[in-house]
Amino acid sequence: MEDPSLERHFRGHKDVISCADFSPNNKQLATGSADTFLMIWNLNPKARAYRFVGHKDKVSSVQFSPAGNLVASASWDKTVRLWTPTIKGESTVIRAHTAVIRSVSFSRDGQHLVTASDDKSLKVWSVHRQRFMYSLNQHTNWVRSAKFSPDGRLIVSCGDDRSVRIWDTTNKQCVNKFTDYGGSVTFVDFNSSGTCIASSGSDNTLKIWDIRTNKLLQHYQVHSSGINCFSFHPSSNYLISASNDSTVKILDLLEGRLIYTLHGHQGPVFTVAFSRGGEYFASGGTDAQVLLWKTNFDAFNYKEVLKCNNRRLNPEPPPHLTDIHPRSPHLHTASSASIEINPSFNVADTQTLDPPVVDVGQSLFSKTQHRVSSLVNGVPAHNEWRNSRGFQQRPSSSKRQEEEETHIETFTQEEQTMHNSLPPSLSSTLEHIVEQLDVLTQTVSVLEQRLTLTEDKLKECLDNQLKIVLQVRQAEERETENGSPTSSL
């Protein structure tokens, strides 16, 4: 088993990273932050990142649609936005709840959305019609997270009432409830087969339940502080979790043990997510940076797998969570056998540069005003996210980052003062010039994307051509070895 490795870091947000999700084609990563922005990072190092402007308060949840043509984001401004993840930055606003929205999630077919809110309700929406369908109202406190089952027949939710509830989407009733929690339940999700759910809590625990038998399969207490988020590997054999203890933990669910502890963030980690294929995972937290990791540990020697399968008369599918025995409740604690991974950030990364960021969805002057209001004395103003979870303001990751933030603040304040003192006609002219420059920047970005696509296609063509040449040579060599019919006569 090979250890996970840190591939890249992304810096562009100015506050807590609260959520992350990979696109279905694994070419993009969407992140949301307390700085009110949604950002979409292209995993191609040469491509630009896009900052989507629209929400008026912290972004709490983000998810790509199954087809990848939409991105849904939820915010503390009580709205959900459906974005097209392109340079146009178009979005549709859904005014969903009467309080902060904590979670938004697509159904597997992409036809519906479920949202969870501090107004103690879940709401289900039609994506195509962008209309409200129905509410689910049995939670007695804030609802933190809600997810559809893979087949769309069930919804699981959790919240500050210390309960996990399972809902039937057909009759719109709560059909099951788990209450064995010592604090708020922070996150919940189904495994890939839909037979089990996992839930994390502020009491530092992570539990896995079999929803067919209502039995607790596994109970982990490997973190030293509350767990904020987790993500199942697509195989359901592994699970990664993010915690206020500043670590990311990786669990082997088949063996029922902790296998890796990752140290990379400064301060609490709020989000973690596997890519759709499981090759990568991303993490983000109070240090305002997104870390992209290569999984590695899920790789198998496929030749060995084939040998094992060939020995069987009827090869079985790979094991998953429901194969775990015994099925009785049992507690897993941190094991000394787990591997600690601590990538060094003292050495400057000279190979991976932060990608250029293009703002979409708002004019330059309005973006400048927003940045000035969100920075106070060089420190982000959105401290409620930290204070609400009882930890302190994050330290800057480096002196260079502090200087950058201070420079941004000073520059934008001077620009705003100059803008207010200009005559209206000159101000209008400057705004028009800025808009034209923005259009030009977007055009250049589109051309860069097309050039990148062209390069990829050219590389693919060259690879195919090389394969064909090799096949022709191999065929000629075989003919030479076997001899032609004429020579044999």
Protein backbone atom coordinates (compact mmCIF):
# COMPACT_ATOMS: atom_id res chain seq x y z
CA MET A 1 0.00 0.00 0.00
CA GLU A 2 1.44 3.36 -1.04
CA ASP A 3 1.04 6.43 1.18
CA PRO A 4 -1.12 9.40 0.11
CA SER A 5 0.86 12.39 -1.15
CA LEU A 6 0.25 16.12 -1.35
CA GLU A 7 -0.04 17.09 -5.02
CA ARG A 8 -0.95 20.81 -5.02
CA HIS A 9 -2.32 23.64 -2.95
CA PHE A 10 -4.73 26.34 -4.09
CA ARG A 11 -4.77 29.82 -2.58
CA GLY A 12 -7.39 32.38 -3.58
CA HIS A 13 -9.97 32.45 -0.81
CA LYS A 14 -9.56 35.03 1.96
CA ASP A 15 -11.33 33.18 4.74
CA VAL A 16 -12.35 29.75 6.05
CA ILE A 17 -12.79 27.04 3.38
CA SER A 18 -16.13 25.49 4.31
CA CYS A 19 -16.94 23.04 1.50
CA ALA A 20 -15.48 21.30 -1.56
CA ASP A 21 -16.59 19.01 -4.38
CA PHE A 22 -14.97 17.53 -7.50
CA SER A 23 -16.61 17.67 -10.92
CA PRO A 24 -17.77 14.33 -12.38
CA ASN A 25 -14.98 14.41 -15.00
CA ASN A 26 -12.37 15.13 -12.28
CA LYS A 27 -11.12 18.20 -14.16
CA GLN A 28 -12.42 20.84 -11.75
CA LEU A 29 -12.74 21.39 -8.02
CA ALA A 30 -15.38 23.71 -6.53
CA THR A 31 -14.87 25.29 -3.11
CA GLY A 32 -16.93 27.63 -0.96
CA SER A 33 -15.74 29.97 1.75
CA ALA A 34 -16.72 32.38 4.48
CA ASP A 35 -15.42 35.12 2.16
CA THR A 36 -18.82 34.72 0.33
CA PHE A 37 -17.20 33.43 -2.89
CA LEU A 38 -17.55 30.17 -4.80
CA MET A 39 -14.34 29.28 -6.60
CA ILE A 40 -13.79 26.70 -9.32
CA TRP A 41 -10.23 25.48 -9.71
CA ASN A 42 -9.05 23.73 -12.86
CA LEU A 43 -6.82 20.78 -12.01
CA ASN A 44 -4.79 21.53 -15.13
CA PRO A 45 -1.94 23.65 -13.68
CA LYS A 46 -1.92 26.00 -16.67
CA ALA A 47 -5.61 26.90 -16.50
CA ARG A 48 -7.20 29.81 -14.67
CA ALA A 49 -9.37 29.62 -11.58
CA TYR A 50 -12.76 31.33 -11.46
CA ARG A 51 -14.21 33.25 -8.54
CA PHE A 52 -18.02 33.43 -8.70
CA VAL A 53 -19.51 36.54 -7.11
CA GLY A 54 -23.13 36.55 -6.01
CA HIS A 55 -23.72 35.37 -2.45
CA LYS A 56 -24.01 38.06 0.22
CA ASP A 57 -22.80 35.91 3.12
CA LYS A 58 -20.71 32.82 3.89
CA VAL A 59 -20.96 29.88 1.45
CA SER A 60 -21.69 26.76 3.50
CA SER A 61 -22.12 23.96 0.93
CA VAL A 62 -21.31 23.27 -2.71
CA GLN A 63 -21.91 20.35 -5.09
CA PHE A 64 -21.60 19.64 -8.81
CA SER A 65 -24.64 18.10 -10.51
CA PRO A 66 -24.15 14.48 -11.67
CA ALA A 67 -23.85 15.70 -15.28
CA GLY A 68 -21.38 18.42 -14.30
CA ASN A 69 -23.32 21.18 -16.07
CA LEU A 70 -24.45 22.89 -12.84
CA VAL A 71 -22.96 23.76 -9.47
CA ALA A 72 -25.27 24.30 -6.50
CA SER A 73 -24.14 26.46 -3.58
CA ALA A 74 -25.85 27.18 -0.27
CA SER A 75 -25.20 30.24 1.85
CA TRP A 76 -25.82 31.97 5.14
CA ASP A 77 -27.69 34.60 3.06
CA LYS A 78 -30.63 32.10 3.06
CA THR A 79 -30.36 31.38 -0.67
CA VAL A 80 -29.25 28.58 -2.95
CA ARG A 81 -27.64 29.45 -6.28
CA LEU A 82 -27.41 27.23 -9.35
CA TRP A 83 -24.33 28.22 -11.37
CA THR A 84 -23.12 27.28 -14.82
CA PRO A 85 -19.41 26.53 -14.22
CA THR A 86 -18.18 28.61 -17.17
CA ILE A 87 -16.62 32.01 -17.73
CA LYS A 88 -20.10 33.57 -18.03
CA GLY A 89 -20.77 32.98 -14.35
CA GLU A 90 -24.54 32.84 -14.79
CA SER A 91 -26.59 31.82 -11.77
CA THR A 92 -30.20 31.31 -10.73
CA VAL A 93 -31.20 32.24 -7.20
CA ILE A 94 -33.51 30.00 -5.15
CA ARG A 95 -34.81 31.76 -2.06
CA ALA A 96 -35.08 28.61 -0.07
CA HIS A 97 -35.38 29.10 3.69
CA THR A 98 -36.04 31.61 6.45
CA ALA A 99 -32.65 31.02 8.11
CA VAL A 100 -29.05 30.03 7.31
CA ILE A 101 -28.77 27.15 4.82
CA ARG A 102 -26.18 24.58 5.91
CA SER A 103 -26.32 22.00 3.13
CA VAL A 104 -27.35 21.47 -0.49
CA SER A 105 -27.19 18.17 -2.39
CA PHE A 106 -28.29 16.76 -5.76
CA SER A 107 -30.11 13.47 -6.23
CA ARG A 108 -28.18 10.86 -8.24
CA ASP A 109 -30.29 11.55 -11.37
CA GLY A 110 -29.75 15.31 -11.04
CA GLN A 111 -33.50 16.03 -11.04
CA HIS A 112 -33.86 17.17 -7.43
CA LEU A 113 -32.10 19.16 -4.72
CA VAL A 114 -32.40 18.78 -0.96
CA THR A 115 -31.49 21.68 1.35
CA ALA A 116 -31.01 21.75 5.13
CA SER A 117 -31.37 24.87 7.23
CA ASP A 118 -31.25 26.47 10.65
CA ASP A 119 -35.03 26.93 10.33
CA LYS A 120 -35.17 23.22 11.40
CA SER A 121 -36.48 22.02 8.02
CA LEU A 122 -35.43 20.15 4.90
CA LYS A 123 -36.76 21.27 1.54
CA VAL A 124 -36.79 19.36 -1.74
CA TRP A 125 -36.67 21.23 -5.04
CA SER A 126 -37.11 20.43 -8.72
CA VAL A 127 -33.92 21.35 -10.57
CA HIS A 128 -35.48 21.55 -14.03
CA ARG A 129 -38.43 23.70 -12.97
CA GLN A 130 -36.48 25.39 -10.17
CA ARG A 131 -39.53 25.06 -7.95
CA PHE A 132 -40.13 24.07 -4.36
CA MET A 133 -41.73 20.61 -4.00
CA TYR A 134 -42.13 19.78 -0.30
CA SER A 135 -40.72 20.23 3.23
CA LEU A 136 -39.67 17.68 5.87
CA ASN A 137 -40.22 19.05 9.38
CA GLN A 138 -39.46 16.81 12.34
CA HIS A 139 -36.06 18.09 13.47
CA THR A 140 -36.24 20.19 16.64
CA ASN A 141 -33.04 22.19 16.10
CA TRP A 142 -30.74 23.36 13.33
CA VAL A 143 -30.33 20.84 10.48
CA ARG A 144 -26.67 20.52 9.53
CA SER A 145 -26.59 18.08 6.59
CA ALA A 146 -28.90 16.20 4.21
CA LYS A 147 -28.16 13.71 1.40
CA PHE A 148 -30.13 11.58 -1.08
CA SER A 149 -29.57 7.83 -1.18
CA PRO A 150 -28.01 6.54 -4.43
CA ASP A 151 -31.42 5.34 -5.70
CA GLY A 152 -33.18 8.56 -4.64
CA ARG A 153 -35.79 6.76 -2.53
CA LEU A 154 -34.43 7.99 0.80
CA ILE A 155 -33.01 11.14 2.34
CA VAL A 156 -30.79 11.13 5.44
CA SER A 157 -30.41 14.23 7.61
CA CYS A 158 -28.78 15.25 10.88
CA GLY A 159 -28.63 18.25 13.15
CA ASP A 160 -28.15 19.92 16.48
CA ASP A 161 -31.05 17.97 18.00
CA ARG A 162 -28.52 15.09 18.28
CA SER A 163 -30.43 12.89 15.87
CA VAL A 164 -30.06 11.29 12.44
CA ARG A 165 -33.31 10.83 10.52
CA ILE A 166 -34.11 8.80 7.41
CA TRP A 167 -36.97 10.00 5.21
CA ASP A 168 -39.01 8.22 2.52
CA THR A 169 -39.23 10.52 -0.52
CA THR A 170 -42.41 8.80 -1.73
CA ASN A 171 -44.65 9.28 1.29
CA LYS A 172 -42.54 12.16 2.70
CA GLN A 173 -42.39 10.61 6.16
CA CYS A 174 -39.57 9.95 8.63
CA VAL A 175 -39.11 6.17 8.56
CA ASN A 176 -36.16 5.80 10.94
CA LYS A 177 -34.29 7.72 13.61
CA PHE A 178 -30.94 7.29 15.39
CA THR A 179 -30.37 9.26 18.60
CA ASP A 180 -27.30 7.70 20.23
CA TYR A 181 -25.17 10.87 20.09
CA GLY A 182 -23.41 12.91 22.77
CA GLY A 183 -23.59 16.20 20.89
CA SER A 184 -24.60 17.84 17.63
CA VAL A 185 -24.46 15.60 14.56
CA THR A 186 -22.42 17.59 12.05
CA PHE A 187 -22.44 15.55 8.82
CA VAL A 188 -24.14 12.49 7.34
CA ASP A 189 -24.00 10.53 4.08
CA PHE A 190 -24.79 7.18 2.41
CA ASN A 191 -22.15 4.75 1.24
CA SER A 192 -22.02 4.00 -2.50
CA SER A 193 -24.40 1.02 -2.28
CA GLY A 194 -26.96 2.88 -0.14
CA THR A 195 -27.07 0.11 2.48
CA CYS A 196 -25.23 2.04 5.17
CA ILE A 197 -25.02 5.57 6.49
CA ALA A 198 -22.19 7.28 8.34
CA SER A 199 -22.52 10.22 10.69
CA SER A 200 -20.01 12.44 12.47
CA GLY A 201 -20.45 14.48 15.62
CA SER A 202 -19.14 17.28 17.78
CA ASP A 203 -18.44 14.55 20.38
CA ASN A 204 -15.42 13.46 18.26
CA THR A 205 -17.13 10.26 17.07
CA LEU A 206 -17.90 8.74 13.70
CA LYS A 207 -20.54 6.01 13.45
CA ILE A 208 -21.56 3.67 10.64
CA TRP A 209 -25.04 2.11 10.66
CA ASP A 210 -26.61 -0.64 8.56
CA ILE A 211 -30.01 0.86 7.70
CA ARG A 212 -31.47 -2.56 6.77
CA THR A 213 -30.96 -3.99 10.26
CA ASN A 214 -30.75 -0.69 12.20
CA LYS A 215 -27.52 -1.94 13.76
CA LEU A 216 -24.40 0.07 14.57
CA LEU A 217 -21.62 -1.58 12.54
CA GLN A 218 -18.64 0.54 13.51
CA HIS A 219 -17.90 3.29 16.01
CA TYR A 220 -14.67 5.29 15.66
CA GLN A 221 -13.21 7.80 18.09
CA VAL A 222 -9.91 8.67 16.45
CA HIS A 223 -10.04 12.48 16.55
CA SER A 224 -9.31 14.62 19.60
CA SER A 225 -11.93 17.23 18.69
CA GLY A 226 -15.22 17.52 16.82
CA ILE A 227 -15.52 16.09 13.30
CA ASN A 228 -16.84 18.56 10.72
CA CYS A 229 -17.02 16.48 7.54
CA PHE A 230 -16.16 13.12 5.99
CA SER A 231 -16.22 11.45 2.59
CA PHE A 232 -16.62 7.82 1.49
CA HIS A 233 -14.21 6.45 -1.10
CA PRO A 234 -16.24 5.33 -4.19
CA SER A 235 -15.48 1.70 -3.27
CA SER A 236 -16.87 2.30 0.27
CA ASN A 237 -13.74 0.57 1.57
CA TYR A 238 -12.20 3.77 2.93
CA LEU A 239 -13.39 6.96 4.60
CA ILE A 240 -11.64 10.28 5.21
CA SER A 241 -12.64 12.72 7.96
CA ALA A 242 -11.86 16.37 8.76
CA SER A 243 -11.73 17.69 12.30
CA ASN A 244 -11.21 20.71 14.53
CA ASP A 245 -8.01 18.99 15.73
CA SER A 246 -6.34 20.21 12.48
CA THR A 247 -5.96 16.72 11.02
CA VAL A 248 -7.43 14.59 8.25
CA LYS A 249 -7.82 10.90 9.16
CA ILE A 250 -8.13 7.97 6.76
CA LEU A 251 -9.99 4.85 7.92
CA ASP A 252 -9.86 1.37 6.41
CA LEU A 253 -13.47 0.22 6.82
CA LEU A 254 -12.78 -3.37 5.82
CA GLU A 255 -10.22 -3.84 8.58
CA GLY A 256 -11.96 -1.38 10.90
CA ARG A 257 -8.92 0.70 11.76
CA LEU A 258 -7.22 4.06 11.33
CA ILE A 259 -4.46 3.86 8.72
CA TYR A 260 -3.32 7.46 8.11
CA THR A 261 -3.26 10.81 9.91
CA LEU A 262 -2.51 13.77 7.63
CA HIS A 263 -1.07 17.01 8.99
CA GLY A 264 -1.18 19.82 6.45
CA HIS A 265 -3.54 22.50 7.70
CA GLN A 266 -2.99 25.20 10.29
CA GLY A 267 -6.13 25.22 12.39
CA PRO A 268 -9.41 23.30 12.13
CA VAL A 269 -10.22 21.41 8.91
CA PHE A 270 -13.81 21.92 7.78
CA THR A 271 -14.15 20.00 4.55
CA VAL A 272 -12.80 16.93 2.82
CA ALA A 273 -13.95 15.22 -0.39
CA PHE A 274 -12.89 12.32 -2.60
CA SER A 275 -12.95 12.77 -6.37
CA ARG A 276 -15.61 10.75 -8.21
CA GLY A 277 -13.07 8.08 -9.17
CA GLY A 278 -11.28 8.14 -5.82
CA GLU A 279 -7.85 8.97 -7.30
CA TYR A 280 -7.68 12.30 -5.44
CA PHE A 281 -9.13 13.98 -2.41
CA ALA A 282 -9.20 17.63 -1.30
CA SER A 283 -9.25 19.27 2.12
CA GLY A 284 -9.81 22.83 3.33
CA GLY A 285 -10.06 24.74 6.58
CA THR A 286 -9.33 27.91 8.51
CA ASP A 287 -5.96 28.51 6.85
CA ALA A 288 -7.87 29.55 3.69
CA GLN A 289 -6.01 27.11 1.45
CA VAL A 290 -7.20 24.03 -0.40
CA LEU A 291 -4.90 21.00 -0.39
CA LEU A 292 -5.14 18.47 -3.21
CA TRP A 293 -3.91 14.99 -2.27
CA LYS A 294 -3.25 11.93 -4.41
CA THR A 295 -4.91 8.90 -2.82
CA ASN A 296 -2.36 6.18 -3.74
CA PHE A 297 -3.41 3.80 -0.92
CA ASP A 298 -6.42 2.50 -2.90
CA ALA A 299 -4.24 1.21 -5.76
CA PHE A 300 -4.05 -2.56 -6.22
CA ASN A 301 -1.77 -4.79 -8.24
CA TYR A 302 -4.35 -5.74 -10.85
CA LYS A 303 -2.40 -8.78 -12.01
CA GLU A 304 -2.64 -10.23 -8.50
CA VAL A 305 -6.37 -9.51 -8.43
CA LEU A 306 -6.79 -11.35 -11.74
CA LYS A 307 -4.83 -14.34 -10.44
CA CYS A 308 -7.07 -14.57 -7.39
CA ASN A 309 -10.20 -14.31 -9.48
CA ASN A 310 -9.01 -16.94 -11.92
CA ARG A 311 -8.63 -19.39 -9.03
CA ARG A 312 -12.35 -19.11 -8.32
CA LEU A 313 -15.03 -20.85 -10.30
CA ASN A 314 -17.40 -17.91 -9.83
CA PRO A 315 -15.44 -14.69 -9.20
CA GLU A 316 -17.10 -12.52 -6.60
CA PRO A 317 -17.36 -8.71 -6.68
CA PRO A 318 -14.94 -6.76 -4.45
CA PRO A 319 -15.96 -6.62 -0.78
CA HIS A 320 -17.76 -3.58 0.55
CA LEU A 321 -19.03 -2.20 3.83
CA THR A 322 -21.91 -4.68 4.20
CA ASP A 323 -19.46 -7.62 4.28
CA ILE A 324 -17.94 -6.55 7.58
CA HIS A 325 -18.26 -9.05 10.45
CA PRO A 326 -19.14 -9.07 13.24
CA ARG A 327 -22.20 -6.87 12.87
CA SER A 328 -22.39 -6.01 16.57
CA PRO A 329 -21.53 -2.51 17.93
CA HIS A 330 -17.86 -2.07 18.76
CA LEU A 331 -15.60 0.89 19.41
CA HIS A 332 -12.44 1.66 17.42
CA THR A 333 -9.83 3.90 18.99
CA ALA A 334 -6.70 5.45 17.56
CA SER A 335 -4.06 2.84 16.83
CA SER A 336 -0.32 3.29 17.08
CA ALA A 337 -0.04 1.44 13.77
CA SER A 338 -1.44 4.41 11.82
CA ILE A 339 0.99 6.41 9.68
CA GLU A 340 1.51 10.11 10.33
CA ILE A 341 2.04 12.21 7.19
CA ASN A 342 3.22 15.78 7.69
CA PRO A 343 4.18 17.54 4.43
CA SER A 344 6.67 20.34 4.99
CA PHE A 345 5.60 23.86 4.13
CA ASN A 346 8.86 25.52 5.22
CA VAL A 347 10.41 24.99 1.79
CA ALA A 348 8.98 27.26 -0.88
CA ASP A 349 7.05 25.48 -3.61
CA THR A 350 8.73 26.75 -6.77
CA GLN A 351 7.03 24.33 -9.15
CA THR A 352 3.32 24.89 -8.41
CA LEU A 353 2.21 28.51 -8.68
CA ASP A 354 -1.17 29.79 -7.59
CA PRO A 355 -3.34 29.98 -10.74
CA PRO A 356 -4.53 33.39 -11.97
CA VAL A 357 -8.08 34.09 -10.76
CA VAL A 358 -10.82 35.56 -12.96
CA ASP A 359 -13.79 37.17 -11.20
CA VAL A 360 -17.13 36.53 -12.88
CA GLY A 361 -20.64 37.66 -12.05
CA GLN A 362 -20.00 41.28 -10.96
CA SER A 363 -18.25 44.46 -12.12
CA LEU A 364 -14.82 45.46 -10.87
CA PHE A 365 -15.93 48.41 -8.73
CA SER A 366 -18.52 46.36 -6.85
CA LYS A 367 -15.92 43.63 -6.28
CA THR A 368 -13.52 46.24 -4.93
CA GLN A 369 -16.11 47.54 -2.50
CA HIS A 370 -16.83 44.00 -1.31
CA ARG A 371 -13.18 43.21 -0.74
CA VAL A 372 -12.72 46.40 1.30
CA SER A 373 -15.72 45.56 3.49
CA SER A 374 -14.55 41.97 4.01
CA LEU A 375 -11.06 42.97 5.17
CA VAL A 376 -10.56 44.87 8.41
CA ASN A 377 -6.96 45.72 9.32
CA GLY A 378 -5.76 42.93 7.07
CA VAL A 379 -7.94 40.29 8.76
CA PRO A 380 -11.11 38.75 7.26
CA ALA A 381 -14.26 40.07 8.87
CA HIS A 382 -16.14 36.75 8.84
CA ASN A 383 -15.12 35.45 12.28
CA GLU A 384 -18.54 34.05 13.18
CA TRP A 385 -17.58 30.76 11.52
CA ARG A 386 -14.74 30.35 14.00
CA ASN A 387 -16.48 31.78 17.04
CA SER A 388 -19.53 29.58 16.55
CA ARG A 389 -17.30 26.50 16.96
CA GLY A 390 -15.26 27.81 19.87
CA PHE A 391 -11.83 28.26 18.31
CA GLN A 392 -9.68 31.28 17.73
CA GLN A 393 -8.91 33.38 14.73
CA ARG A 394 -6.58 31.57 12.35
CA PRO A 395 -2.91 32.51 12.22
CA SER A 396 -1.56 33.60 8.83
CA SER A 397 0.20 30.78 7.03
CA SER A 398 3.18 33.02 6.18
CA LYS A 399 4.46 36.56 6.44
CA ARG A 400 4.19 36.85 2.67
CA GLN A 401 0.44 36.10 2.80
CA GLU A 402 -0.06 38.84 5.45
CA GLU A 403 1.76 41.33 3.25
CA GLU A 404 -0.41 40.34 0.27
CA GLU A 405 -3.66 40.82 2.22
CA THR A 406 -2.49 44.19 3.60
CA HIS A 407 -1.49 45.29 0.11
CA ILE A 408 -4.90 44.34 -1.29
CA GLU A 409 -6.68 46.29 1.43
CA THR A 410 -4.59 49.47 1.03
CA PHE A 411 -4.85 49.43 -2.74
CA THR A 412 -8.61 48.93 -2.83
CA GLN A 413 -9.27 51.67 -0.25
CA GLU A 414 -7.23 54.17 -2.25
CA GLU A 415 -9.00 53.11 -5.43
CA GLN A 416 -12.41 53.53 -3.80
CA THR A 417 -11.51 57.03 -2.47
CA MET A 418 -10.31 58.08 -5.91
CA HIS A 419 -13.48 56.67 -7.49
CA ASN A 420 -15.71 58.71 -5.12
CA SER A 421 -13.83 61.98 -5.87
CA LEU A 422 -14.08 61.68 -9.67
CA PRO A 423 -16.63 63.65 -11.73
CA PRO A 424 -19.65 61.52 -12.76
CA SER A 425 -18.78 61.64 -16.48
CA LEU A 426 -15.18 60.55 -15.91
CA SER A 427 -16.30 57.89 -13.47
CA SER A 428 -18.75 56.51 -16.03
CA THR A 429 -16.04 56.45 -18.69
CA LEU A 430 -13.65 54.61 -16.38
CA GLU A 431 -16.31 52.05 -15.49
CA HIS A 432 -16.94 51.49 -19.22
CA ILE A 433 -13.20 50.98 -19.78
CA VAL A 434 -13.05 48.56 -16.87
CA GLU A 435 -15.98 46.59 -18.29
CA GLN A 436 -14.26 46.39 -21.68
CA LEU A 437 -11.05 45.20 -20.03
CA ASP A 438 -13.04 42.58 -18.13
CA VAL A 439 -14.56 41.34 -21.39
CA LEU A 440 -11.08 41.24 -22.94
CA THR A 441 -9.75 39.25 -19.98
CA GLN A 442 -12.60 36.78 -20.27
CA THR A 443 -11.98 36.42 -24.02
CA VAL A 444 -8.29 35.68 -23.41
CA SER A 445 -9.29 33.13 -20.78
CA VAL A 446 -11.63 31.38 -23.22
CA LEU A 447 -8.84 31.29 -25.81
CA GLU A 448 -6.52 29.77 -23.19
CA GLN A 449 -9.08 27.09 -22.45
CA ARG A 450 -9.47 26.29 -26.15
CA LEU A 451 -5.70 26.16 -26.57
CA THR A 452 -5.45 23.77 -23.62
CA LEU A 453 -8.15 21.55 -25.16
CA THR A 454 -6.32 21.63 -28.50
CA GLU A 455 -3.07 20.61 -26.80
CA ASP A 456 -4.83 17.73 -25.06
CA LYS A 457 -6.37 16.53 -28.34
CA LEU A 458 -3.01 16.81 -30.12
CA LYS A 459 -1.33 14.80 -27.37
CA GLU A 460 -4.07 12.18 -27.62
CA CYS A 461 -3.62 11.96 -31.41
CA LEU A 462 0.15 11.58 -31.07
CA ASP A 463 -0.30 8.86 -28.44
CA ASN A 464 -2.74 7.00 -30.72
CA GLN A 465 -0.38 7.37 -33.67
CA LEU A 466 2.48 5.96 -31.61
CA LYS A 467 0.33 2.97 -30.58
CA ILE A 468 -0.58 2.29 -34.22
CA VAL A 469 3.10 2.45 -35.29
CA LEU A 470 4.06 0.03 -32.52
CA GLN A 471 1.25 -2.36 -33.48
CA VAL A 472 2.34 -2.28 -37.14
CA ARG A 473 5.95 -2.97 -36.18
CA GLN A 474 4.92 -5.86 -33.93
CA ALA A 475 2.81 -7.33 -36.74
CA GLU A 476 5.71 -7.02 -39.18
CA GLU A 477 8.05 -8.68 -36.68
CA ARG A 478 5.63 -11.58 -36.22
CA GLU A 479 5.33 -12.03 -39.99
CA THR A 480 9.12 -12.01 -40.29
CA GLU A 481 9.47 -14.63 -37.54
CA ASN A 482 6.79 -16.91 -38.99
CA GLY A 483 7.95 -16.50 -42.58
CA SER A 484 5.80 -15.64 -45.62
CA PRO A 485 3.90 -18.39 -47.57
CA THR A 486 6.06 -17.76 -50.62
CA SER A 487 9.35 -18.33 -48.81
CA SER A 488 8.07 -21.54 -47.17
CA LEU A 489 7.30 -23.01 -50.62
